[in-house]
Structure formats: C-alpha cells, structure tokens
Amino acid sequence: MPWPLEAPTLRMTTPAPNSAPEAKPRLVRDLSREDSRELLAVNWAKAQPSLTAFLIASTPQFSDAEDLLQEVAAEVARRFDDYDASRPFLPWALWVAKIKIANFYRARERSPVKFIGDSIDALAEACDRVQLTLSEEKWALEKCLNAVTGRSRELLQLRYFEDMSPQEISDRVGMTPGAVRIALSRIRSALITCVRSSLTEAQGSHG
C-alpha cells in the first residue's frame, strides 16, 4: 500500500508504563533524520503483517482494514518522533490502531464507543495481551493468501502489490472496471471467511 503523505490529527496520550523497571527512554527525535527514517521503515516492515491481520479481524470488510491501515501508517509516521525506541514498536503501533478502530466504529454508529471513554491506558496494556493472537492471525492470513490461485491471485497482485487502480487492471486483464471491482470484493470476502475459519480451527485444535 502506498505510504500516506499526510496524517490526520488525533489527540492521544502516551500509554501508561508497566510496573517493571523501565529502560532509559530513547526518543526518536534525538536521532538524525536519516536514522529516524531507517528505524521507522524497519519497524513498520516488521509490524505491518500483524497490524494488517489485527485490522482485518477487527473490521467488517477487507477494504475497511485497508483504509485503516493507511490511517495507522500516517499517524505512526506523524508521531514517530515521540516514539520511545527502547520499547517494542508493535504494542505502540497497536495502540494507534485500536484508537483508529474505535474512531471507525464511532463514525459508523454515530454514537460514542464505550471503551474510548474508559482509559487509554487500558488500550495500551491490551496491546501486550494480543500479540499471540496477532501472530495466529498473521499465520491465517498468509495461509489464505497462499491458497489464492489463478485469476484471483493475479487481481490481488495487481491491486495490492502493484497498486494499480481497477481501471488500470481492466486494461491489463481484459475485464471491465466494474467486473474488476466485483471480483476484488468477492476475493476480499473469501479471504475474510478463510481467515476467520482458520482461526476457529486453530483455536479448536488448541483446546
């Protein structure tokens, strides 16, 4: 997905520290611009699959997860100078993602999301507890993507890896833009079903 150039404004407080002794903070703003960009690129590359799986599991449509991932990426980039590099990156990025998810449902329902009014600290603490689930969701997503073949795989490749528009894809594969959109929608729905089914099976085997 293309990296957003501008980030939305979002008011957030820093997650509460754990009770365990902390390492000395090492804020990214103290690094050179080149080192900061490199650190962001490396951390994002590692965290993106888990963030993607988490957003897919938390939203009704694959396209919603795609849009939210771009918002999370933009917000992480905007706030990266405040990131404490002595702490793990994924929980911090998940904290941003959880707030974006809350905003998403609040906008859809036009009513406050209950857990937003409770405590931002609770969201930050929850990040640590979901890492195992995220690794399972990443596994399920990769498994389902590997099962996609033929024309469906080609469409996914063109849309999400080569970042082509439906119109550009239609010119490449000989389909109408409308047919491309319908096909992608069906593929996304099938992936969502596959991921959820795989997670259910995995949970059953663990039990």
N, C-alpha and C. Protein backbone atom coordinates (compact mmCIF):
# COMPACT_ATOMS: atom_id res chain seq x y z
N MET A 1 0.84 -1.19 0.00
CA MET A 1 0.00 0.00 0.00
C MET A 1 0.87 1.24 0.00
N PRO A 2 0.48 2.27 -0.66
CA PRO A 2 1.28 3.49 -0.67
C PRO A 2 1.29 4.14 0.70
N TRP A 3 2.42 4.71 1.07
CA TRP A 3 2.53 5.39 2.35
C TRP A 3 1.86 6.75 2.26
N PRO A 4 0.90 7.05 3.16
CA PRO A 4 0.19 8.32 3.09
C PRO A 4 1.14 9.49 3.30
N LEU A 5 0.87 10.60 2.61
CA LEU A 5 1.74 11.77 2.71
C LEU A 5 1.34 12.66 3.87
N GLU A 6 0.06 12.63 4.23
CA GLU A 6 -0.40 13.48 5.30
C GLU A 6 -1.10 12.63 6.35
N ALA A 7 -1.00 13.05 7.59
CA ALA A 7 -1.59 12.28 8.68
C ALA A 7 -2.75 13.06 9.28
N PRO A 8 -3.84 12.35 9.65
CA PRO A 8 -4.95 13.02 10.30
C PRO A 8 -4.57 13.46 11.70
N THR A 9 -5.24 14.48 12.20
CA THR A 9 -4.99 14.95 13.55
C THR A 9 -5.70 14.05 14.53
N LEU A 10 -4.99 13.60 15.56
CA LEU A 10 -5.57 12.68 16.54
C LEU A 10 -4.96 12.99 17.88
N ARG A 11 -5.78 13.23 18.86
CA ARG A 11 -5.28 13.51 20.20
C ARG A 11 -5.14 12.21 20.96
N MET A 12 -3.94 11.97 21.44
CA MET A 12 -3.69 10.75 22.19
C MET A 12 -2.70 11.06 23.30
N THR A 13 -2.78 10.28 24.35
CA THR A 13 -1.82 10.38 25.43
C THR A 13 -0.89 9.19 25.37
N THR A 14 0.25 9.29 25.99
CA THR A 14 1.23 8.21 25.98
C THR A 14 0.75 7.07 26.85
N PRO A 15 0.86 5.80 26.39
CA PRO A 15 0.42 4.67 27.18
C PRO A 15 1.12 4.64 28.53
N ALA A 16 0.40 4.16 29.57
CA ALA A 16 0.96 4.08 30.91
C ALA A 16 2.10 3.08 30.95
N PRO A 17 3.16 3.37 31.69
CA PRO A 17 4.29 2.43 31.77
C PRO A 17 3.94 1.20 32.55
N ASN A 18 4.64 0.09 32.31
CA ASN A 18 4.45 -1.13 33.07
C ASN A 18 5.08 -0.96 34.44
N SER A 19 4.72 -1.85 35.36
CA SER A 19 5.23 -1.76 36.72
C SER A 19 6.70 -2.16 36.79
N ALA A 20 7.16 -2.95 35.80
CA ALA A 20 8.55 -3.39 35.79
C ALA A 20 9.48 -2.21 35.54
N PRO A 21 10.73 -2.31 36.01
CA PRO A 21 11.69 -1.23 35.76
C PRO A 21 11.83 -0.94 34.28
N GLU A 22 11.91 0.32 33.92
CA GLU A 22 11.95 0.71 32.52
C GLU A 22 13.37 0.99 32.07
N ALA A 23 13.60 0.78 30.80
CA ALA A 23 14.85 1.21 30.22
C ALA A 23 14.81 2.72 30.06
N LYS A 24 15.97 3.34 30.01
CA LYS A 24 16.02 4.78 29.83
C LYS A 24 15.40 5.15 28.49
N PRO A 25 14.43 6.09 28.48
CA PRO A 25 13.78 6.45 27.21
C PRO A 25 14.79 6.89 26.16
N ARG A 26 14.54 6.47 24.93
CA ARG A 26 15.40 6.86 23.81
C ARG A 26 14.48 7.34 22.71
N LEU A 27 14.10 8.61 22.78
CA LEU A 27 13.13 9.15 21.85
C LEU A 27 13.74 9.28 20.46
N VAL A 28 12.91 8.99 19.46
CA VAL A 28 13.37 9.03 18.07
C VAL A 28 13.78 10.44 17.67
N ARG A 29 13.17 11.45 18.29
CA ARG A 29 13.51 12.83 17.92
C ARG A 29 14.98 13.15 18.19
N ASP A 30 15.63 12.34 19.03
CA ASP A 30 17.04 12.57 19.32
C ASP A 30 17.96 11.97 18.26
N LEU A 31 17.37 11.20 17.33
CA LEU A 31 18.16 10.60 16.27
C LEU A 31 18.26 11.55 15.08
N SER A 32 19.19 11.28 14.18
CA SER A 32 19.26 12.05 12.95
C SER A 32 18.06 11.71 12.07
N ARG A 33 17.74 12.58 11.13
CA ARG A 33 16.59 12.32 10.26
C ARG A 33 16.78 11.03 9.47
N GLU A 34 17.99 10.78 9.02
CA GLU A 34 18.26 9.56 8.25
C GLU A 34 18.06 8.32 9.11
N ASP A 35 18.59 8.35 10.34
CA ASP A 35 18.43 7.20 11.24
C ASP A 35 16.97 7.01 11.63
N SER A 36 16.25 8.12 11.80
CA SER A 36 14.84 8.04 12.15
C SER A 36 14.03 7.37 11.04
N ARG A 37 14.27 7.78 9.81
CA ARG A 37 13.55 7.20 8.68
C ARG A 37 13.86 5.71 8.53
N GLU A 38 15.12 5.36 8.72
CA GLU A 38 15.51 3.95 8.59
C GLU A 38 14.86 3.12 9.69
N LEU A 39 14.83 3.64 10.91
CA LEU A 39 14.21 2.92 12.03
C LEU A 39 12.72 2.73 11.79
N LEU A 40 12.06 3.78 11.29
CA LEU A 40 10.64 3.68 11.00
C LEU A 40 10.38 2.63 9.93
N ALA A 41 11.17 2.65 8.86
CA ALA A 41 10.98 1.70 7.76
C ALA A 41 11.15 0.27 8.23
N VAL A 42 12.18 0.03 9.04
CA VAL A 42 12.46 -1.33 9.53
C VAL A 42 11.34 -1.80 10.46
N ASN A 43 10.95 -0.94 11.41
CA ASN A 43 9.91 -1.32 12.37
C ASN A 43 8.57 -1.53 11.69
N TRP A 44 8.24 -0.65 10.73
CA TRP A 44 6.95 -0.79 10.05
C TRP A 44 6.90 -2.08 9.24
N ALA A 45 8.00 -2.40 8.56
CA ALA A 45 8.03 -3.62 7.75
C ALA A 45 7.78 -4.85 8.61
N LYS A 46 8.32 -4.85 9.82
CA LYS A 46 8.14 -5.99 10.72
C LYS A 46 6.73 -6.04 11.30
N ALA A 47 6.17 -4.86 11.59
CA ALA A 47 4.87 -4.82 12.28
C ALA A 47 3.69 -4.87 11.33
N GLN A 48 3.85 -4.50 10.07
CA GLN A 48 2.71 -4.37 9.16
C GLN A 48 1.89 -5.65 9.02
N PRO A 49 2.50 -6.85 8.88
CA PRO A 49 1.66 -8.05 8.76
C PRO A 49 0.76 -8.26 9.97
N SER A 50 1.29 -8.05 11.18
CA SER A 50 0.49 -8.22 12.38
C SER A 50 -0.59 -7.15 12.48
N LEU A 51 -0.25 -5.92 12.11
CA LEU A 51 -1.24 -4.85 12.12
C LEU A 51 -2.35 -5.13 11.11
N THR A 52 -1.97 -5.62 9.94
CA THR A 52 -2.97 -5.94 8.91
C THR A 52 -3.92 -7.03 9.40
N ALA A 53 -3.36 -8.09 9.97
CA ALA A 53 -4.19 -9.18 10.48
C ALA A 53 -5.12 -8.69 11.58
N PHE A 54 -4.61 -7.85 12.46
CA PHE A 54 -5.41 -7.31 13.55
C PHE A 54 -6.56 -6.47 13.03
N LEU A 55 -6.29 -5.62 12.05
CA LEU A 55 -7.34 -4.77 11.49
C LEU A 55 -8.37 -5.58 10.73
N ILE A 56 -7.93 -6.62 10.00
CA ILE A 56 -8.88 -7.48 9.29
C ILE A 56 -9.81 -8.16 10.27
N ALA A 57 -9.27 -8.64 11.37
CA ALA A 57 -10.09 -9.33 12.37
C ALA A 57 -11.01 -8.38 13.12
N SER A 58 -10.73 -7.09 13.06
CA SER A 58 -11.48 -6.12 13.85
C SER A 58 -12.48 -5.30 13.05
N THR A 59 -12.53 -5.50 11.73
CA THR A 59 -13.41 -4.71 10.88
C THR A 59 -14.26 -5.62 10.00
N PRO A 60 -15.41 -5.13 9.55
CA PRO A 60 -16.33 -5.99 8.78
C PRO A 60 -15.87 -6.29 7.36
N GLN A 61 -15.10 -5.41 6.74
CA GLN A 61 -14.70 -5.60 5.35
C GLN A 61 -13.19 -5.46 5.21
N PHE A 62 -12.63 -6.20 4.26
CA PHE A 62 -11.20 -6.12 3.98
C PHE A 62 -10.82 -4.69 3.58
N SER A 63 -11.69 -4.05 2.81
CA SER A 63 -11.41 -2.69 2.36
C SER A 63 -11.36 -1.71 3.54
N ASP A 64 -12.16 -1.97 4.60
CA ASP A 64 -12.11 -1.13 5.80
C ASP A 64 -10.75 -1.28 6.47
N ALA A 65 -10.27 -2.52 6.54
CA ALA A 65 -8.96 -2.76 7.15
C ALA A 65 -7.86 -2.07 6.34
N GLU A 66 -8.00 -2.11 5.02
CA GLU A 66 -7.02 -1.47 4.14
C GLU A 66 -6.97 0.04 4.39
N ASP A 67 -8.14 0.65 4.48
CA ASP A 67 -8.20 2.10 4.72
C ASP A 67 -7.63 2.45 6.10
N LEU A 68 -7.98 1.65 7.10
CA LEU A 68 -7.49 1.93 8.45
C LEU A 68 -5.99 1.74 8.55
N LEU A 69 -5.45 0.76 7.80
CA LEU A 69 -4.00 0.55 7.83
C LEU A 69 -3.28 1.80 7.32
N GLN A 70 -3.81 2.42 6.29
CA GLN A 70 -3.20 3.65 5.78
C GLN A 70 -3.29 4.76 6.82
N GLU A 71 -4.41 4.85 7.53
CA GLU A 71 -4.54 5.86 8.58
C GLU A 71 -3.55 5.60 9.71
N VAL A 72 -3.41 4.33 10.08
CA VAL A 72 -2.45 3.98 11.14
C VAL A 72 -1.03 4.33 10.69
N ALA A 73 -0.70 4.00 9.45
CA ALA A 73 0.63 4.30 8.93
C ALA A 73 0.91 5.79 8.98
N ALA A 74 -0.07 6.59 8.58
CA ALA A 74 0.11 8.04 8.58
C ALA A 74 0.28 8.57 10.00
N GLU A 75 -0.52 8.06 10.92
CA GLU A 75 -0.44 8.54 12.30
C GLU A 75 0.86 8.11 12.97
N VAL A 76 1.29 6.89 12.70
CA VAL A 76 2.57 6.41 13.23
C VAL A 76 3.72 7.28 12.71
N ALA A 77 3.69 7.59 11.42
CA ALA A 77 4.73 8.44 10.84
C ALA A 77 4.72 9.83 11.45
N ARG A 78 3.52 10.36 11.67
CA ARG A 78 3.40 11.71 12.22
C ARG A 78 3.92 11.78 13.65
N ARG A 79 3.69 10.73 14.42
CA ARG A 79 4.04 10.73 15.83
C ARG A 79 5.36 10.03 16.13
N PHE A 80 6.07 9.62 15.10
CA PHE A 80 7.23 8.76 15.32
C PHE A 80 8.33 9.44 16.14
N ASP A 81 8.44 10.75 16.07
CA ASP A 81 9.45 11.45 16.86
C ASP A 81 9.23 11.26 18.36
N ASP A 82 7.98 10.97 18.76
CA ASP A 82 7.67 10.77 20.17
C ASP A 82 7.80 9.32 20.61
N TYR A 83 8.09 8.43 19.66
CA TYR A 83 8.22 7.01 19.98
C TYR A 83 9.49 6.76 20.79
N ASP A 84 9.36 5.97 21.84
CA ASP A 84 10.50 5.58 22.67
C ASP A 84 11.11 4.32 22.08
N ALA A 85 12.25 4.46 21.44
CA ALA A 85 12.88 3.34 20.73
C ALA A 85 13.39 2.26 21.66
N SER A 86 13.39 2.51 22.98
CA SER A 86 13.80 1.47 23.92
C SER A 86 12.67 0.50 24.21
N ARG A 87 11.48 0.81 23.72
CA ARG A 87 10.31 -0.05 23.92
C ARG A 87 9.96 -0.77 22.61
N PRO A 88 9.24 -1.91 22.70
CA PRO A 88 8.83 -2.62 21.48
C PRO A 88 7.92 -1.74 20.62
N PHE A 89 8.10 -1.84 19.31
CA PHE A 89 7.34 -0.99 18.39
C PHE A 89 5.90 -1.48 18.21
N LEU A 90 5.70 -2.81 18.12
CA LEU A 90 4.38 -3.33 17.79
C LEU A 90 3.30 -2.91 18.79
N PRO A 91 3.51 -3.02 20.10
CA PRO A 91 2.46 -2.57 21.02
C PRO A 91 2.12 -1.09 20.85
N TRP A 92 3.12 -0.29 20.56
CA TRP A 92 2.88 1.15 20.35
C TRP A 92 2.03 1.36 19.10
N ALA A 93 2.36 0.67 18.01
CA ALA A 93 1.60 0.79 16.77
C ALA A 93 0.18 0.24 16.95
N LEU A 94 0.04 -0.82 17.72
CA LEU A 94 -1.28 -1.39 18.00
C LEU A 94 -2.14 -0.42 18.80
N TRP A 95 -1.51 0.31 19.67
CA TRP A 95 -2.23 1.33 20.44
C TRP A 95 -2.85 2.35 19.50
N VAL A 96 -2.09 2.79 18.50
CA VAL A 96 -2.63 3.70 17.49
C VAL A 96 -3.76 3.03 16.72
N ALA A 97 -3.56 1.77 16.34
CA ALA A 97 -4.57 1.04 15.57
C ALA A 97 -5.87 0.90 16.34
N LYS A 98 -5.79 0.63 17.63
CA LYS A 98 -7.01 0.47 18.44
C LYS A 98 -7.82 1.75 18.47
N ILE A 99 -7.15 2.88 18.56
CA ILE A 99 -7.87 4.15 18.58
C ILE A 99 -8.50 4.43 17.22
N LYS A 100 -7.79 4.08 16.15
CA LYS A 100 -8.35 4.24 14.81
C LYS A 100 -9.59 3.35 14.64
N ILE A 101 -9.55 2.15 15.16
CA ILE A 101 -10.70 1.24 15.09
C ILE A 101 -11.87 1.83 15.87
N ALA A 102 -11.59 2.36 17.05
CA ALA A 102 -12.65 2.99 17.85
C ALA A 102 -13.29 4.14 17.10
N ASN A 103 -12.46 4.97 16.48
CA ASN A 103 -13.00 6.09 15.70
C ASN A 103 -13.84 5.60 14.53
N PHE A 104 -13.41 4.50 13.92
CA PHE A 104 -14.13 3.92 12.79
C PHE A 104 -15.55 3.51 13.20
N TYR A 105 -15.67 2.79 14.32
CA TYR A 105 -16.99 2.34 14.75
C TYR A 105 -17.83 3.48 15.28
N ARG A 106 -17.20 4.45 15.91
CA ARG A 106 -17.95 5.61 16.40
C ARG A 106 -18.56 6.37 15.23
N ALA A 107 -17.83 6.50 14.13
CA ALA A 107 -18.35 7.20 12.97
C ALA A 107 -19.48 6.42 12.32
N ARG A 108 -19.37 5.10 12.30
CA ARG A 108 -20.42 4.28 11.69
C ARG A 108 -21.71 4.29 12.49
N GLU A 109 -21.59 4.25 13.79
CA GLU A 109 -22.76 4.14 14.65
C GLU A 109 -23.27 5.50 15.12
N ARG A 110 -22.46 6.54 14.83
CA ARG A 110 -22.83 7.90 15.25
C ARG A 110 -23.14 7.97 16.75
N SER A 111 -22.40 7.19 17.51
CA SER A 111 -22.54 7.20 18.97
C SER A 111 -21.19 6.91 19.58
N PRO A 112 -20.95 7.35 20.82
CA PRO A 112 -19.64 7.15 21.44
C PRO A 112 -19.31 5.67 21.59
N VAL A 113 -18.05 5.34 21.45
CA VAL A 113 -17.58 3.98 21.70
C VAL A 113 -17.24 3.90 23.18
N LYS A 114 -17.84 2.94 23.89
CA LYS A 114 -17.74 2.91 25.35
C LYS A 114 -16.31 2.86 25.84
N PHE A 115 -15.47 1.96 25.23
CA PHE A 115 -14.16 1.77 25.81
C PHE A 115 -13.24 2.97 25.59
N ILE A 116 -13.58 3.88 24.64
CA ILE A 116 -12.77 5.07 24.47
C ILE A 116 -12.89 5.96 25.70
N GLY A 117 -14.07 5.98 26.32
CA GLY A 117 -14.27 6.84 27.47
C GLY A 117 -13.70 6.27 28.74
N ASP A 118 -13.27 5.04 28.76
CA ASP A 118 -12.75 4.42 29.97
C ASP A 118 -11.31 4.84 30.25
N SER A 119 -10.40 4.28 29.46
CA SER A 119 -9.00 4.57 29.75
C SER A 119 -8.12 4.22 28.56
N ILE A 120 -7.35 5.21 28.08
CA ILE A 120 -6.40 4.94 27.02
C ILE A 120 -5.33 3.98 27.53
N ASP A 121 -5.04 4.06 28.83
CA ASP A 121 -4.05 3.16 29.41
C ASP A 121 -4.46 1.70 29.25
N ALA A 122 -5.77 1.42 29.37
CA ALA A 122 -6.25 0.04 29.22
C ALA A 122 -5.99 -0.46 27.81
N LEU A 123 -6.12 0.43 26.83
CA LEU A 123 -5.84 0.04 25.45
C LEU A 123 -4.37 -0.31 25.28
N ALA A 124 -3.50 0.49 25.88
CA ALA A 124 -2.07 0.23 25.76
C ALA A 124 -1.70 -1.10 26.41
N GLU A 125 -2.27 -1.37 27.58
CA GLU A 125 -1.99 -2.64 28.26
C GLU A 125 -2.52 -3.82 27.45
N ALA A 126 -3.65 -3.62 26.76
CA ALA A 126 -4.22 -4.70 25.96
C ALA A 126 -3.32 -5.09 24.80
N CYS A 127 -2.52 -4.15 24.34
CA CYS A 127 -1.62 -4.44 23.22
C CYS A 127 -0.71 -5.62 23.53
N ASP A 128 -0.20 -5.66 24.76
CA ASP A 128 0.71 -6.75 25.13
C ASP A 128 -0.02 -8.09 25.14
N ARG A 129 -1.30 -8.08 25.48
CA ARG A 129 -2.04 -9.33 25.61
C ARG A 129 -2.47 -9.91 24.27
N VAL A 130 -2.49 -9.10 23.21
CA VAL A 130 -2.99 -9.60 21.92
C VAL A 130 -1.89 -10.05 20.98
N GLN A 131 -0.64 -9.99 21.40
CA GLN A 131 0.44 -10.32 20.47
C GLN A 131 0.39 -11.76 20.00
N LEU A 132 0.03 -12.69 20.89
CA LEU A 132 -0.09 -14.09 20.49
C LEU A 132 -1.20 -14.25 19.47
N THR A 133 -2.34 -13.58 19.72
CA THR A 133 -3.45 -13.64 18.78
C THR A 133 -3.05 -13.07 17.43
N LEU A 134 -2.29 -12.00 17.46
CA LEU A 134 -1.85 -11.38 16.21
C LEU A 134 -0.97 -12.30 15.39
N SER A 135 -0.10 -13.06 16.07
CA SER A 135 0.77 -13.98 15.33
C SER A 135 -0.07 -15.07 14.68
N GLU A 136 -1.13 -15.50 15.35
CA GLU A 136 -2.02 -16.50 14.77
C GLU A 136 -2.78 -15.92 13.58
N GLU A 137 -3.21 -14.65 13.70
CA GLU A 137 -3.93 -14.01 12.60
C GLU A 137 -3.02 -13.81 11.39
N LYS A 138 -1.76 -13.47 11.67
CA LYS A 138 -0.79 -13.32 10.58
C LYS A 138 -0.62 -14.65 9.85
N TRP A 139 -0.50 -15.73 10.64
CA TRP A 139 -0.35 -17.06 10.04
C TRP A 139 -1.57 -17.40 9.19
N ALA A 140 -2.78 -17.12 9.72
CA ALA A 140 -4.00 -17.44 9.00
C ALA A 140 -4.11 -16.64 7.70
N LEU A 141 -3.75 -15.35 7.75
CA LEU A 141 -3.82 -14.53 6.56
C LEU A 141 -2.85 -15.03 5.49
N GLU A 142 -1.62 -15.34 5.91
CA GLU A 142 -0.64 -15.83 4.95
C GLU A 142 -1.08 -17.16 4.35
N LYS A 143 -1.66 -18.01 5.18
CA LYS A 143 -2.16 -19.30 4.70
C LYS A 143 -3.24 -19.10 3.64
N CYS A 144 -4.17 -18.20 3.93
CA CYS A 144 -5.27 -17.96 2.99
C CYS A 144 -4.79 -17.29 1.71
N LEU A 145 -3.85 -16.37 1.83
CA LEU A 145 -3.31 -15.73 0.63
C LEU A 145 -2.58 -16.73 -0.26
N ASN A 146 -1.89 -17.67 0.36
CA ASN A 146 -1.17 -18.68 -0.41
C ASN A 146 -2.13 -19.62 -1.14
N ALA A 147 -3.37 -19.71 -0.65
CA ALA A 147 -4.35 -20.59 -1.28
C ALA A 147 -5.04 -19.94 -2.48
N VAL A 148 -4.86 -18.64 -2.64
CA VAL A 148 -5.47 -17.93 -3.77
C VAL A 148 -4.65 -18.21 -5.04
N THR A 149 -5.32 -18.64 -6.08
CA THR A 149 -4.62 -19.01 -7.32
C THR A 149 -5.30 -18.38 -8.54
N GLY A 150 -4.69 -18.58 -9.70
CA GLY A 150 -5.29 -18.19 -10.97
C GLY A 150 -5.55 -16.70 -11.10
N ARG A 151 -6.70 -16.39 -11.70
CA ARG A 151 -7.07 -15.00 -11.96
C ARG A 151 -7.21 -14.21 -10.66
N SER A 152 -7.73 -14.85 -9.63
CA SER A 152 -7.90 -14.16 -8.35
C SER A 152 -6.56 -13.69 -7.80
N ARG A 153 -5.56 -14.54 -7.88
CA ARG A 153 -4.24 -14.17 -7.40
C ARG A 153 -3.65 -13.04 -8.24
N GLU A 154 -3.90 -13.11 -9.54
CA GLU A 154 -3.40 -12.06 -10.43
C GLU A 154 -4.03 -10.71 -10.07
N LEU A 155 -5.33 -10.70 -9.81
CA LEU A 155 -6.02 -9.46 -9.46
C LEU A 155 -5.49 -8.89 -8.14
N LEU A 156 -5.28 -9.76 -7.15
CA LEU A 156 -4.73 -9.30 -5.88
C LEU A 156 -3.33 -8.73 -6.07
N GLN A 157 -2.55 -9.41 -6.86
CA GLN A 157 -1.18 -8.95 -7.12
C GLN A 157 -1.18 -7.56 -7.75
N LEU A 158 -2.04 -7.37 -8.76
CA LEU A 158 -2.09 -6.09 -9.45
C LEU A 158 -2.63 -4.97 -8.56
N ARG A 159 -3.64 -5.29 -7.76
CA ARG A 159 -4.29 -4.26 -6.93
C ARG A 159 -3.47 -3.88 -5.71
N TYR A 160 -2.98 -4.89 -4.97
CA TYR A 160 -2.39 -4.60 -3.67
C TYR A 160 -0.86 -4.65 -3.64
N PHE A 161 -0.24 -5.25 -4.62
CA PHE A 161 1.21 -5.29 -4.65
C PHE A 161 1.78 -4.32 -5.68
N GLU A 162 1.05 -4.14 -6.79
CA GLU A 162 1.49 -3.19 -7.80
C GLU A 162 0.71 -1.88 -7.73
N ASP A 163 -0.27 -1.84 -6.82
CA ASP A 163 -1.03 -0.61 -6.55
C ASP A 163 -1.71 -0.05 -7.79
N MET A 164 -2.27 -0.94 -8.61
CA MET A 164 -2.97 -0.50 -9.81
C MET A 164 -4.44 -0.25 -9.49
N SER A 165 -5.04 0.71 -10.17
CA SER A 165 -6.45 1.01 -10.00
C SER A 165 -7.29 -0.02 -10.76
N PRO A 166 -8.59 -0.14 -10.43
CA PRO A 166 -9.46 -1.05 -11.20
C PRO A 166 -9.44 -0.77 -12.70
N GLN A 167 -9.37 0.52 -13.06
CA GLN A 167 -9.31 0.86 -14.49
C GLN A 167 -8.03 0.33 -15.12
N GLU A 168 -6.90 0.51 -14.44
CA GLU A 168 -5.63 0.02 -14.96
C GLU A 168 -5.61 -1.50 -15.03
N ILE A 169 -6.20 -2.14 -14.03
CA ILE A 169 -6.28 -3.60 -14.04
C ILE A 169 -7.13 -4.09 -15.20
N SER A 170 -8.24 -3.40 -15.44
CA SER A 170 -9.14 -3.81 -16.52
C SER A 170 -8.43 -3.75 -17.87
N ASP A 171 -7.60 -2.75 -18.04
CA ASP A 171 -6.83 -2.64 -19.29
C ASP A 171 -5.82 -3.78 -19.41
N ARG A 172 -5.27 -4.21 -18.26
CA ARG A 172 -4.25 -5.24 -18.28
C ARG A 172 -4.85 -6.63 -18.53
N VAL A 173 -5.99 -6.93 -17.90
CA VAL A 173 -6.50 -8.30 -17.94
C VAL A 173 -7.70 -8.48 -18.87
N GLY A 174 -8.19 -7.38 -19.48
CA GLY A 174 -9.30 -7.52 -20.40
C GLY A 174 -10.66 -7.66 -19.76
N MET A 175 -10.82 -7.09 -18.56
CA MET A 175 -12.11 -7.08 -17.87
C MET A 175 -12.60 -5.63 -17.80
N THR A 176 -13.89 -5.44 -17.58
CA THR A 176 -14.38 -4.09 -17.36
C THR A 176 -14.01 -3.65 -15.95
N PRO A 177 -13.89 -2.33 -15.72
CA PRO A 177 -13.57 -1.86 -14.36
C PRO A 177 -14.59 -2.35 -13.33
N GLY A 178 -15.87 -2.39 -13.72
CA GLY A 178 -16.89 -2.87 -12.81
C GLY A 178 -16.69 -4.33 -12.45
N ALA A 179 -16.33 -5.13 -13.44
CA ALA A 179 -16.09 -6.56 -13.19
C ALA A 179 -14.88 -6.75 -12.28
N VAL A 180 -13.88 -5.90 -12.44
CA VAL A 180 -12.70 -5.97 -11.58
C VAL A 180 -13.07 -5.68 -10.14
N ARG A 181 -13.88 -4.64 -9.93
CA ARG A 181 -14.29 -4.27 -8.57
C ARG A 181 -15.10 -5.38 -7.92
N ILE A 182 -16.01 -5.98 -8.69
CA ILE A 182 -16.83 -7.07 -8.15
C ILE A 182 -15.95 -8.26 -7.80
N ALA A 183 -15.01 -8.60 -8.67
CA ALA A 183 -14.12 -9.73 -8.43
C ALA A 183 -13.27 -9.50 -7.19
N LEU A 184 -12.73 -8.29 -7.03
CA LEU A 184 -11.91 -7.98 -5.87
C LEU A 184 -12.73 -8.04 -4.58
N SER A 185 -13.97 -7.57 -4.66
CA SER A 185 -14.85 -7.61 -3.50
C SER A 185 -15.10 -9.06 -3.07
N ARG A 186 -15.34 -9.93 -4.04
CA ARG A 186 -15.57 -11.33 -3.73
C ARG A 186 -14.32 -12.00 -3.17
N ILE A 187 -13.17 -11.64 -3.72
CA ILE A 187 -11.91 -12.21 -3.22
C ILE A 187 -11.67 -11.77 -1.79
N ARG A 188 -11.92 -10.48 -1.49
CA ARG A 188 -11.74 -9.99 -0.12
C ARG A 188 -12.67 -10.70 0.84
N SER A 189 -13.93 -10.90 0.43
CA SER A 189 -14.89 -11.59 1.29
C SER A 189 -14.45 -13.02 1.55
N ALA A 190 -13.95 -13.68 0.51
CA ALA A 190 -13.48 -15.06 0.66
C ALA A 190 -12.27 -15.12 1.59
N LEU A 191 -11.39 -14.13 1.51
CA LEU A 191 -10.22 -14.10 2.39
C LEU A 191 -10.64 -13.91 3.84
N ILE A 192 -11.60 -13.02 4.06
CA ILE A 192 -12.09 -12.80 5.43
C ILE A 192 -12.66 -14.09 6.00
N THR A 193 -13.49 -14.78 5.20
CA THR A 193 -14.08 -16.04 5.65
C THR A 193 -13.00 -17.06 5.93
N CYS A 194 -12.01 -17.13 5.06
CA CYS A 194 -10.92 -18.09 5.23
C CYS A 194 -10.13 -17.81 6.49
N VAL A 195 -9.80 -16.54 6.73
CA VAL A 195 -9.02 -16.18 7.92
C VAL A 195 -9.78 -16.54 9.18
N ARG A 196 -11.04 -16.19 9.23
CA ARG A 196 -11.83 -16.47 10.43
C ARG A 196 -12.00 -17.97 10.64
N SER A 197 -12.20 -18.71 9.55
CA SER A 197 -12.33 -20.16 9.64
C SER A 197 -11.03 -20.79 10.13
N SER A 198 -9.91 -20.32 9.61
CA SER A 198 -8.61 -20.86 10.01
C SER A 198 -8.34 -20.59 11.48
N LEU A 199 -8.71 -19.40 11.95
CA LEU A 199 -8.51 -19.06 13.35
C LEU A 199 -9.39 -19.92 14.24
N THR A 200 -10.63 -20.17 13.82
CA THR A 200 -11.53 -21.02 14.59
C THR A 200 -10.98 -22.43 14.69
N GLU A 201 -10.49 -22.96 13.57
CA GLU A 201 -9.91 -24.30 13.58
C GLU A 201 -8.68 -24.37 14.47
N ALA A 202 -7.85 -23.31 14.42
CA ALA A 202 -6.64 -23.29 15.24
C ALA A 202 -7.00 -23.26 16.73
N GLN A 203 -8.00 -22.46 17.07
CA GLN A 203 -8.43 -22.39 18.46
C GLN A 203 -9.01 -23.72 18.94
N GLY A 204 -9.73 -24.41 18.04
CA GLY A 204 -10.28 -25.72 18.38
C GLY A 204 -9.18 -26.75 18.63
N SER A 205 -8.14 -26.71 17.83
CA SER A 205 -7.06 -27.67 17.99
C SER A 205 -6.28 -27.40 19.26
N HIS A 206 -6.20 -26.10 19.65
CA HIS A 206 -5.51 -25.76 20.89
C HIS A 206 -6.31 -26.24 22.10
N GLY A 207 -7.64 -26.22 21.92
CA GLY A 207 -8.48 -26.65 23.04
C GLY A 207 -8.45 -28.13 23.23
